[in-house]
Amino acid sequence: MTGGEFDYIRSLVLEQSAIVFEQDKQYLAESRLAVLARREGFDSISDLVTSLRSNRFNGLHRKVVEAMTTNETSFFRDFHPFETLRNSILPELMLKRAARKELNIWSAACSSGQEPYSVAMLLNEDFPGLATWNLRLIATELSQAMLARAREGRYSQLEVNRGLPARLLVKYFRQEGIEWQITEPLRGQIEFQILNLAESWPPLPPMDIILMRNVLIYFGVETKKKILGKVRQLLRTDGLLFLGGAETTFNLDDCFERVQFDRTICYRVRKA
């Protein structure tokens, strides 16, 4: 890939997703686009880029943008946030919401679905009383391909080996050949939707918990501020925002305050 071709790809990704693809990531772009070019019948990445430049935005452009997005995830990723949900946050929220019996949780940028399914398994295992509540677990993703994978809930042996306890594999999955699929009842507990965090959002309910982990790092400062501003409007006054370990609201939105639970850091809308 030439420097000019890489610049075109970077501009396309920025325009369509607001994701900043740094100059030093050309090697990563080449490895991902080489696979896509072969799959789409092109002899080279250059031929692929030529086709993109010659046509108005279409399905091929979307596939390129989706190929450039990072989809690294695993079941119960980083472990500690899920322990904090189990031991501190959910018990407290359930006490506060006991009269209304309503709880809304959003997994933003859910990739192939391991995070929302991890939350669903945690809720089923440790909080069976929520079965009588009006509980909404919403999972959104920019990539249509990733969202389709998440809805299907089908994973390789390597993927279920990463972070998933054996007892939960036995209880919530069924084996199909060399893959494992989430059982239909658990899949049915999650509402999957297409959503680009950098664009306008569809109507969403007031949120008690928002998991937006390891996604803000891919945006520029102004986009981060806009996203956090919309999160602030959506999050209940006592709700909590989870970010990735390398992410923070500091110097981006002063209306958030940091809340620490043992080894887990969350953010809450600062009281006026």
C-alpha atoms as a PDB file:
ATOM      1  CA  MET A   1       0.000   0.000   0.000  1.00  0.00           C
ATOM      2  CA  THR A   2       1.365   3.404  -0.937  1.00  0.00           C
ATOM      3  CA  GLY A   3       1.323   6.346   1.435  1.00  0.00           C
ATOM      4  CA  GLY A   4      -1.400   7.985  -0.643  1.00  0.00           C
ATOM      5  CA  GLU A   5      -3.569   4.862  -0.525  1.00  0.00           C
ATOM      6  CA  PHE A   6      -3.148   4.645   3.226  1.00  0.00           C
ATOM      7  CA  ASP A   7      -4.104   8.313   3.607  1.00  0.00           C
ATOM      8  CA  TYR A   8      -7.258   7.646   1.583  1.00  0.00           C
ATOM      9  CA  ILE A   9      -8.178   4.719   3.860  1.00  0.00           C
ATOM     10  CA  ARG A  10      -7.502   6.815   6.956  1.00  0.00           C
ATOM     11  CA  SER A  11      -9.751   9.601   5.638  1.00  0.00           C
ATOM     12  CA  LEU A  12     -12.506   7.131   4.765  1.00  0.00           C
ATOM     13  CA  VAL A  13     -12.431   5.556   8.229  1.00  0.00           C
ATOM     14  CA  LEU A  14     -12.376   8.968   9.917  1.00  0.00           C
ATOM     15  CA  GLU A  15     -15.275  10.281   7.829  1.00  0.00           C
ATOM     16  CA  GLN A  16     -17.487   7.227   8.346  1.00  0.00           C
ATOM     17  CA  SER A  17     -16.683   6.274  11.943  1.00  0.00           C
ATOM     18  CA  ALA A  18     -14.732   9.200  13.503  1.00  0.00           C
ATOM     19  CA  ILE A  19     -12.049   6.657  14.390  1.00  0.00           C
ATOM     20  CA  VAL A  20      -8.516   8.052  14.158  1.00  0.00           C
ATOM     21  CA  PHE A  21      -6.197   5.587  12.415  1.00  0.00           C
ATOM     22  CA  GLU A  22      -2.678   6.727  13.279  1.00  0.00           C
ATOM     23  CA  GLN A  23       0.122   6.999  10.712  1.00  0.00           C
ATOM     24  CA  ASP A  24       2.148   4.254  12.392  1.00  0.00           C
ATOM     25  CA  LYS A  25      -0.674   1.729  11.872  1.00  0.00           C
ATOM     26  CA  GLN A  26      -0.149   1.252   8.128  1.00  0.00           C
ATOM     27  CA  TYR A  27       1.100  -2.294   8.701  1.00  0.00           C
ATOM     28  CA  LEU A  28      -2.159  -3.104  10.483  1.00  0.00           C
ATOM     29  CA  ALA A  29      -4.235  -1.627   7.667  1.00  0.00           C
ATOM     30  CA  GLU A  30      -2.309  -3.658   5.118  1.00  0.00           C
ATOM     31  CA  SER A  31      -2.802  -6.940   6.974  1.00  0.00           C
ATOM     32  CA  ARG A  32      -6.561  -6.380   7.321  1.00  0.00           C
ATOM     33  CA  LEU A  33      -7.123  -5.062   3.811  1.00  0.00           C
ATOM     34  CA  ALA A  34      -5.123  -7.895   2.212  1.00  0.00           C
ATOM     35  CA  VAL A  35      -7.639 -10.386   3.629  1.00  0.00           C
ATOM     36  CA  LEU A  36     -10.601  -8.267   2.511  1.00  0.00           C
ATOM     37  CA  ALA A  37      -9.148  -7.707  -0.977  1.00  0.00           C
ATOM     38  CA  ARG A  38      -8.755 -11.454  -1.556  1.00  0.00           C
ATOM     39  CA  ARG A  39     -12.256 -12.153  -0.233  1.00  0.00           C
ATOM     40  CA  GLU A  40     -13.773  -9.524  -2.545  1.00  0.00           C
ATOM     41  CA  GLY A  41     -11.914 -10.801  -5.618  1.00  0.00           C
ATOM     42  CA  PHE A  42      -9.220  -8.122  -6.009  1.00  0.00           C
ATOM     43  CA  ASP A  43      -5.651  -8.997  -7.017  1.00  0.00           C
ATOM     44  CA  SER A  44      -4.139  -6.437  -4.634  1.00  0.00           C
ATOM     45  CA  ILE A  45      -4.888  -3.771  -2.055  1.00  0.00           C
ATOM     46  CA  SER A  46      -4.150  -1.162  -4.725  1.00  0.00           C
ATOM     47  CA  ASP A  47      -6.911  -2.589  -6.916  1.00  0.00           C
ATOM     48  CA  LEU A  48      -9.265  -2.481  -3.952  1.00  0.00           C
ATOM     49  CA  VAL A  49      -8.449   1.171  -3.220  1.00  0.00           C
ATOM     50  CA  THR A  50      -8.839   2.066  -6.906  1.00  0.00           C
ATOM     51  CA  SER A  51     -12.340   0.597  -6.857  1.00  0.00           C
ATOM     52  CA  LEU A  52     -13.189   2.517  -3.694  1.00  0.00           C
ATOM     53  CA  ARG A  53     -12.009   5.793  -5.215  1.00  0.00           C
ATOM     54  CA  SER A  54     -13.910   5.178  -8.446  1.00  0.00           C
ATOM     55  CA  ASN A  55     -17.310   4.635  -6.869  1.00  0.00           C
ATOM     56  CA  ARG A  56     -19.659   6.432  -4.532  1.00  0.00           C
ATOM     57  CA  PHE A  57     -19.950   5.118  -0.985  1.00  0.00           C
ATOM     58  CA  ASN A  58     -21.355   1.591  -1.105  1.00  0.00           C
ATOM     59  CA  GLY A  59     -21.187  -1.768   0.615  1.00  0.00           C
ATOM     60  CA  LEU A  60     -17.510  -2.229  -0.216  1.00  0.00           C
ATOM     61  CA  HIS A  61     -16.616   1.046   1.492  1.00  0.00           C
ATOM     62  CA  ARG A  62     -18.544  -0.094   4.565  1.00  0.00           C
ATOM     63  CA  LYS A  63     -16.686  -3.419   4.603  1.00  0.00           C
ATOM     64  CA  VAL A  64     -13.371  -1.549   4.535  1.00  0.00           C
ATOM     65  CA  VAL A  65     -14.405   0.696   7.432  1.00  0.00           C
ATOM     66  CA  GLU A  66     -15.546  -2.316   9.433  1.00  0.00           C
ATOM     67  CA  ALA A  67     -12.303  -4.154   8.667  1.00  0.00           C
ATOM     68  CA  MET A  68     -10.366  -1.231  10.115  1.00  0.00           C
ATOM     69  CA  THR A  69     -12.215  -1.192  13.444  1.00  0.00           C
ATOM     70  CA  THR A  70     -10.635  -3.057  16.339  1.00  0.00           C
ATOM     71  CA  ASN A  71     -12.736  -5.905  17.702  1.00  0.00           C
ATOM     72  CA  GLU A  72     -10.568  -7.318  20.465  1.00  0.00           C
ATOM     73  CA  THR A  73     -12.740  -8.769  23.230  1.00  0.00           C
ATOM     74  CA  SER A  74     -13.218 -11.806  25.454  1.00  0.00           C
ATOM     75  CA  PHE A  75     -15.636 -13.212  27.994  1.00  0.00           C
ATOM     76  CA  PHE A  76     -15.426 -11.485  31.395  1.00  0.00           C
ATOM     77  CA  ARG A  77     -12.625  -9.311  30.033  1.00  0.00           C
ATOM     78  CA  ASP A  78     -10.330  -7.905  32.761  1.00  0.00           C
ATOM     79  CA  PHE A  79     -12.386  -9.780  35.417  1.00  0.00           C
ATOM     80  CA  HIS A  80     -12.402  -7.005  38.057  1.00  0.00           C
ATOM     81  CA  PRO A  81     -15.229  -4.912  36.542  1.00  0.00           C
ATOM     82  CA  PHE A  82     -17.479  -7.967  36.654  1.00  0.00           C
ATOM     83  CA  GLU A  83     -16.547  -8.670  40.265  1.00  0.00           C
ATOM     84  CA  THR A  84     -17.410  -5.059  41.085  1.00  0.00           C
ATOM     85  CA  LEU A  85     -20.773  -5.421  39.356  1.00  0.00           C
ATOM     86  CA  ARG A  86     -21.474  -8.594  41.308  1.00  0.00           C
ATOM     87  CA  ASN A  87     -20.278  -7.513  44.733  1.00  0.00           C
ATOM     88  CA  SER A  88     -20.997  -3.784  44.902  1.00  0.00           C
ATOM     89  CA  ILE A  89     -22.821  -2.024  42.100  1.00  0.00           C
ATOM     90  CA  LEU A  90     -25.695  -4.348  41.266  1.00  0.00           C
ATOM     91  CA  PRO A  91     -26.684  -5.082  44.891  1.00  0.00           C
ATOM     92  CA  GLU A  92     -26.776  -1.341  45.606  1.00  0.00           C
ATOM     93  CA  LEU A  93     -28.753  -0.521  42.477  1.00  0.00           C
ATOM     94  CA  MET A  94     -31.243  -3.292  43.192  1.00  0.00           C
ATOM     95  CA  LEU A  95     -31.929  -1.824  46.611  1.00  0.00           C
ATOM     96  CA  LYS A  96     -32.462   1.626  45.108  1.00  0.00           C
ATOM     97  CA  ARG A  97     -34.670   0.284  42.302  1.00  0.00           C
ATOM     98  CA  ALA A  98     -36.631  -2.193  44.447  1.00  0.00           C
ATOM     99  CA  ALA A  99     -39.897  -0.250  44.259  1.00  0.00           C
ATOM    100  CA  ARG A 100     -39.792   0.348  40.513  1.00  0.00           C
ATOM    101  CA  LYS A 101     -38.105  -2.961  39.596  1.00  0.00           C
ATOM    102  CA  GLU A 102     -36.483  -1.514  36.506  1.00  0.00           C
ATOM    103  CA  LEU A 103     -32.858  -1.747  35.415  1.00  0.00           C
ATOM    104  CA  ASN A 104     -31.208  -0.700  32.137  1.00  0.00           C
ATOM    105  CA  ILE A 105     -27.692  -1.737  31.112  1.00  0.00           C
ATOM    106  CA  TRP A 106     -25.921  -0.748  27.895  1.00  0.00           C
ATOM    107  CA  SER A 107     -22.879  -2.463  26.394  1.00  0.00           C
ATOM    108  CA  ALA A 108     -21.617   0.069  23.857  1.00  0.00           C
ATOM    109  CA  ALA A 109     -19.249  -1.115  21.114  1.00  0.00           C
ATOM    110  CA  CYS A 110     -20.008  -4.741  22.001  1.00  0.00           C
ATOM    111  CA  SER A 111     -17.919  -6.208  19.144  1.00  0.00           C
ATOM    112  CA  SER A 112     -18.737  -9.928  18.736  1.00  0.00           C
ATOM    113  CA  GLY A 113     -20.863  -9.997  21.884  1.00  0.00           C
ATOM    114  CA  GLN A 114     -18.722 -11.473  24.640  1.00  0.00           C
ATOM    115  CA  GLU A 115     -19.247  -8.502  26.976  1.00  0.00           C
ATOM    116  CA  PRO A 116     -23.067  -8.400  26.953  1.00  0.00           C
ATOM    117  CA  TYR A 117     -23.254 -12.187  27.170  1.00  0.00           C
ATOM    118  CA  SER A 118     -20.893 -12.069  30.163  1.00  0.00           C
ATOM    119  CA  VAL A 119     -23.199  -9.549  31.835  1.00  0.00           C
ATOM    120  CA  ALA A 120     -26.238 -11.682  31.032  1.00  0.00           C
ATOM    121  CA  MET A 121     -24.615 -14.786  32.552  1.00  0.00           C
ATOM    122  CA  LEU A 122     -23.630 -12.811  35.665  1.00  0.00           C
ATOM    123  CA  LEU A 123     -27.202 -11.556  36.098  1.00  0.00           C
ATOM    124  CA  ASN A 124     -28.663 -15.027  35.665  1.00  0.00           C
ATOM    125  CA  GLU A 125     -26.199 -16.680  38.016  1.00  0.00           C
ATOM    126  CA  ASP A 126     -26.045 -14.161  40.858  1.00  0.00           C
ATOM    127  CA  PHE A 127     -29.271 -12.168  40.665  1.00  0.00           C
ATOM    128  CA  PRO A 128     -32.113 -14.571  39.801  1.00  0.00           C
ATOM    129  CA  GLY A 129     -34.574 -12.139  41.396  1.00  0.00           C
ATOM    130  CA  LEU A 130     -34.143  -9.874  38.365  1.00  0.00           C
ATOM    131  CA  ALA A 131     -36.215 -12.364  36.356  1.00  0.00           C
ATOM    132  CA  THR A 132     -39.330 -10.542  37.606  1.00  0.00           C
ATOM    133  CA  TRP A 133     -37.944  -7.074  36.828  1.00  0.00           C
ATOM    134  CA  ASN A 134     -38.240  -4.924  33.745  1.00  0.00           C
ATOM    135  CA  LEU A 135     -34.621  -5.512  32.757  1.00  0.00           C
ATOM    136  CA  ARG A 136     -33.177  -4.248  29.477  1.00  0.00           C
ATOM    137  CA  LEU A 137     -29.698  -5.292  28.400  1.00  0.00           C
ATOM    138  CA  ILE A 138     -28.856  -3.387  25.220  1.00  0.00           C
ATOM    139  CA  ALA A 139     -25.749  -4.072  23.134  1.00  0.00           C
ATOM    140  CA  THR A 140     -24.694  -1.844  20.237  1.00  0.00           C
ATOM    141  CA  GLU A 141     -21.984  -2.009  17.616  1.00  0.00           C
ATOM    142  CA  LEU A 142     -20.859  -0.022  14.571  1.00  0.00           C
ATOM    143  CA  SER A 143     -19.958  -3.060  12.458  1.00  0.00           C
ATOM    144  CA  GLN A 144     -22.851  -4.932  10.880  1.00  0.00           C
ATOM    145  CA  ALA A 145     -20.667  -8.022  10.513  1.00  0.00           C
ATOM    146  CA  MET A 146     -19.716  -7.996  14.205  1.00  0.00           C
ATOM    147  CA  LEU A 147     -23.311  -7.381  15.258  1.00  0.00           C
ATOM    148  CA  ALA A 148     -24.442 -10.362  13.170  1.00  0.00           C
ATOM    149  CA  ARG A 149     -21.839 -12.512  14.933  1.00  0.00           C
ATOM    150  CA  ALA A 150     -22.981 -11.244  18.313  1.00  0.00           C
ATOM    151  CA  ARG A 151     -26.636 -11.993  17.574  1.00  0.00           C
ATOM    152  CA  GLU A 152     -25.729 -15.512  16.492  1.00  0.00           C
ATOM    153  CA  GLY A 153     -23.634 -16.051  19.616  1.00  0.00           C
ATOM    154  CA  ARG A 154     -21.364 -18.602  17.962  1.00  0.00           C
ATOM    155  CA  TYR A 155     -17.738 -18.854  19.116  1.00  0.00           C
ATOM    156  CA  SER A 156     -14.636 -20.922  18.453  1.00  0.00           C
ATOM    157  CA  GLN A 157     -12.948 -23.140  21.006  1.00  0.00           C
ATOM    158  CA  LEU A 158     -10.233 -20.505  21.403  1.00  0.00           C
ATOM    159  CA  GLU A 159     -12.809 -17.799  22.137  1.00  0.00           C
ATOM    160  CA  VAL A 160     -14.659 -19.795  24.804  1.00  0.00           C
ATOM    161  CA  ASN A 161     -11.326 -20.700  26.378  1.00  0.00           C
ATOM    162  CA  ARG A 162     -10.597 -17.000  26.990  1.00  0.00           C
ATOM    163  CA  GLY A 163     -12.081 -15.998  30.332  1.00  0.00           C
ATOM    164  CA  LEU A 164     -15.156 -18.238  30.360  1.00  0.00           C
ATOM    165  CA  PRO A 165     -15.501 -20.570  33.376  1.00  0.00           C
ATOM    166  CA  ALA A 166     -16.125 -24.197  32.387  1.00  0.00           C
ATOM    167  CA  ARG A 167     -19.360 -24.402  34.388  1.00  0.00           C
ATOM    168  CA  LEU A 168     -20.834 -21.495  32.412  1.00  0.00           C
ATOM    169  CA  LEU A 169     -19.748 -23.064  29.121  1.00  0.00           C
ATOM    170  CA  VAL A 170     -21.625 -26.223  30.033  1.00  0.00           C
ATOM    171  CA  LYS A 171     -24.708 -24.337  31.232  1.00  0.00           C
ATOM    172  CA  TYR A 172     -25.137 -21.631  28.602  1.00  0.00           C
ATOM    173  CA  PHE A 173     -23.604 -23.080  25.422  1.00  0.00           C
ATOM    174  CA  ARG A 174     -24.201 -26.027  23.170  1.00  0.00           C
ATOM    175  CA  GLN A 175     -21.484 -27.515  21.018  1.00  0.00           C
ATOM    176  CA  GLU A 176     -21.984 -27.544  17.258  1.00  0.00           C
ATOM    177  CA  GLY A 177     -19.082 -29.217  15.494  1.00  0.00           C
ATOM    178  CA  ILE A 178     -15.925 -27.298  16.383  1.00  0.00           C
ATOM    179  CA  GLU A 179     -17.888 -24.259  17.616  1.00  0.00           C
ATOM    180  CA  TRP A 180     -19.998 -23.353  20.621  1.00  0.00           C
ATOM    181  CA  GLN A 181     -23.267 -21.427  20.455  1.00  0.00           C
ATOM    182  CA  ILE A 182     -24.989 -19.491  23.232  1.00  0.00           C
ATOM    183  CA  THR A 183     -28.343 -21.071  24.046  1.00  0.00           C
ATOM    184  CA  GLU A 184     -31.386 -19.298  22.658  1.00  0.00           C
ATOM    185  CA  PRO A 185     -32.845 -18.197  26.035  1.00  0.00           C
ATOM    186  CA  LEU A 186     -29.680 -16.245  26.881  1.00  0.00           C
ATOM    187  CA  ARG A 187     -29.411 -14.770  23.376  1.00  0.00           C
ATOM    188  CA  GLY A 188     -32.999 -13.590  23.718  1.00  0.00           C
ATOM    189  CA  GLN A 189     -32.181 -11.549  26.814  1.00  0.00           C
ATOM    190  CA  ILE A 190     -30.063  -9.057  24.845  1.00  0.00           C
ATOM    191  CA  GLU A 191     -31.270  -6.341  22.456  1.00  0.00           C
ATOM    192  CA  PHE A 192     -28.678  -5.919  19.692  1.00  0.00           C
ATOM    193  CA  GLN A 193     -28.669  -2.677  17.680  1.00  0.00           C
ATOM    194  CA  ILE A 194     -26.475  -0.926  15.110  1.00  0.00           C
ATOM    195  CA  LEU A 195     -25.097   2.304  16.566  1.00  0.00           C
ATOM    196  CA  ASN A 196     -22.231   4.575  15.569  1.00  0.00           C
ATOM    197  CA  LEU A 197     -21.139   6.360  18.744  1.00  0.00           C
ATOM    198  CA  ALA A 198     -19.812   9.308  16.744  1.00  0.00           C
ATOM    199  CA  GLU A 199     -23.137   9.957  14.994  1.00  0.00           C
ATOM    200  CA  SER A 200     -26.672  10.607  16.252  1.00  0.00           C
ATOM    201  CA  TRP A 201     -27.989   7.923  18.597  1.00  0.00           C
ATOM    202  CA  PRO A 202     -31.362   6.193  18.368  1.00  0.00           C
ATOM    203  CA  PRO A 203     -33.747   6.594  21.328  1.00  0.00           C
ATOM    204  CA  LEU A 204     -32.339   4.791  24.366  1.00  0.00           C
ATOM    205  CA  PRO A 205     -33.795   4.493  27.867  1.00  0.00           C
ATOM    206  CA  PRO A 206     -32.163   6.187  30.879  1.00  0.00           C
ATOM    207  CA  MET A 207     -29.228   3.984  31.790  1.00  0.00           C
ATOM    208  CA  ASP A 208     -28.196   2.607  35.179  1.00  0.00           C
ATOM    209  CA  ILE A 209     -24.951   1.083  33.892  1.00  0.00           C
ATOM    210  CA  ILE A 210     -23.043   1.919  30.714  1.00  0.00           C
ATOM    211  CA  LEU A 211     -20.111  -0.239  29.633  1.00  0.00           C
ATOM    212  CA  MET A 212     -18.096   1.772  27.112  1.00  0.00           C
ATOM    213  CA  ARG A 213     -14.767   0.086  27.594  1.00  0.00           C
ATOM    214  CA  ASN A 214     -11.740   0.422  25.305  1.00  0.00           C
ATOM    215  CA  VAL A 215     -13.492   2.413  22.593  1.00  0.00           C
ATOM    216  CA  LEU A 216     -12.888   6.120  23.362  1.00  0.00           C
ATOM    217  CA  ILE A 217      -9.161   5.606  22.779  1.00  0.00           C
ATOM    218  CA  TYR A 218      -9.843   5.353  19.040  1.00  0.00           C
ATOM    219  CA  PHE A 219     -11.484   8.784  18.756  1.00  0.00           C
ATOM    220  CA  GLY A 220     -10.109  12.309  18.612  1.00  0.00           C
ATOM    221  CA  VAL A 221     -10.547  14.682  21.554  1.00  0.00           C
ATOM    222  CA  GLU A 222     -13.592  16.539  20.203  1.00  0.00           C
ATOM    223  CA  THR A 223     -15.393  13.299  19.368  1.00  0.00           C
ATOM    224  CA  LYS A 224     -14.659  11.972  22.857  1.00  0.00           C
ATOM    225  CA  LYS A 225     -16.173  15.112  24.371  1.00  0.00           C
ATOM    226  CA  LYS A 226     -19.319  14.805  22.260  1.00  0.00           C
ATOM    227  CA  ILE A 227     -19.756  11.148  23.174  1.00  0.00           C
ATOM    228  CA  LEU A 228     -19.281  11.790  26.892  1.00  0.00           C
ATOM    229  CA  GLY A 229     -21.741  14.675  26.699  1.00  0.00           C
ATOM    230  CA  LYS A 230     -24.383  12.337  25.284  1.00  0.00           C
ATOM    231  CA  VAL A 231     -23.522   9.679  27.872  1.00  0.00           C
ATOM    232  CA  ARG A 232     -24.044  12.266  30.610  1.00  0.00           C
ATOM    233  CA  GLN A 233     -27.545  12.998  29.323  1.00  0.00           C
ATOM    234  CA  LEU A 234     -28.393   9.294  29.201  1.00  0.00           C
ATOM    235  CA  LEU A 235     -26.927   8.129  32.514  1.00  0.00           C
ATOM    236  CA  ARG A 236     -29.164   8.258  35.594  1.00  0.00           C
ATOM    237  CA  THR A 237     -27.896  10.520  38.379  1.00  0.00           C
ATOM    238  CA  ASP A 238     -26.733   7.507  40.410  1.00  0.00           C
ATOM    239  CA  GLY A 239     -25.802   5.408  37.377  1.00  0.00           C
ATOM    240  CA  LEU A 240     -22.240   4.371  36.565  1.00  0.00           C
ATOM    241  CA  LEU A 241     -20.067   4.526  33.469  1.00  0.00           C
ATOM    242  CA  PHE A 242     -17.333   1.932  32.912  1.00  0.00           C
ATOM    243  CA  LEU A 243     -14.406   2.921  30.683  1.00  0.00           C
ATOM    244  CA  GLY A 244     -11.300   0.974  29.717  1.00  0.00           C
ATOM    245  CA  GLY A 245      -8.216   0.936  31.890  1.00  0.00           C
ATOM    246  CA  ALA A 246      -6.441   3.478  29.656  1.00  0.00           C
ATOM    247  CA  GLU A 247      -9.469   5.794  29.386  1.00  0.00           C
ATOM    248  CA  THR A 248     -10.741   8.633  31.550  1.00  0.00           C
ATOM    249  CA  THR A 249     -13.172  11.559  31.529  1.00  0.00           C
ATOM    250  CA  PHE A 250     -10.426  13.810  32.954  1.00  0.00           C
ATOM    251  CA  ASN A 251      -9.832  16.933  30.821  1.00  0.00           C
ATOM    252  CA  LEU A 252     -12.741  15.855  28.615  1.00  0.00           C
ATOM    253  CA  ASP A 253     -15.884  16.352  30.697  1.00  0.00           C
ATOM    254  CA  ASP A 254     -15.709  17.895  34.161  1.00  0.00           C
ATOM    255  CA  CYS A 255     -19.314  16.900  34.895  1.00  0.00           C
ATOM    256  CA  PHE A 256     -18.159  13.380  35.722  1.00  0.00           C
ATOM    257  CA  GLU A 257     -16.580  12.328  38.990  1.00  0.00           C
ATOM    258  CA  ARG A 258     -14.394   9.290  39.499  1.00  0.00           C
ATOM    259  CA  VAL A 259     -15.675   6.506  41.771  1.00  0.00           C
ATOM    260  CA  GLN A 260     -13.365   3.681  42.838  1.00  0.00           C
ATOM    261  CA  PHE A 261     -14.445   0.204  43.944  1.00  0.00           C
ATOM    262  CA  ASP A 262     -11.353  -1.692  45.037  1.00  0.00           C
ATOM    263  CA  ARG A 263      -9.447  -2.176  41.736  1.00  0.00           C
ATOM    264  CA  THR A 264     -12.252  -0.916  39.492  1.00  0.00           C
ATOM    265  CA  ILE A 265     -12.692   2.737  38.499  1.00  0.00           C
ATOM    266  CA  CYS A 266     -16.077   4.015  37.303  1.00  0.00           C
ATOM    267  CA  TYR A 267     -17.551   7.429  36.594  1.00  0.00           C
ATOM    268  CA  ARG A 268     -20.714   9.066  37.860  1.00  0.00           C
ATOM    269  CA  VAL A 269     -22.371  12.341  36.892  1.00  0.00           C
ATOM    270  CA  ARG A 270     -21.256  14.933  39.411  1.00  0.00           C
ATOM    271  CA  LYS A 271     -24.066  16.266  41.588  1.00  0.00           C
ATOM    272  CA  ALA A 272     -24.850  19.939  41.096  1.00  0.00           C
END
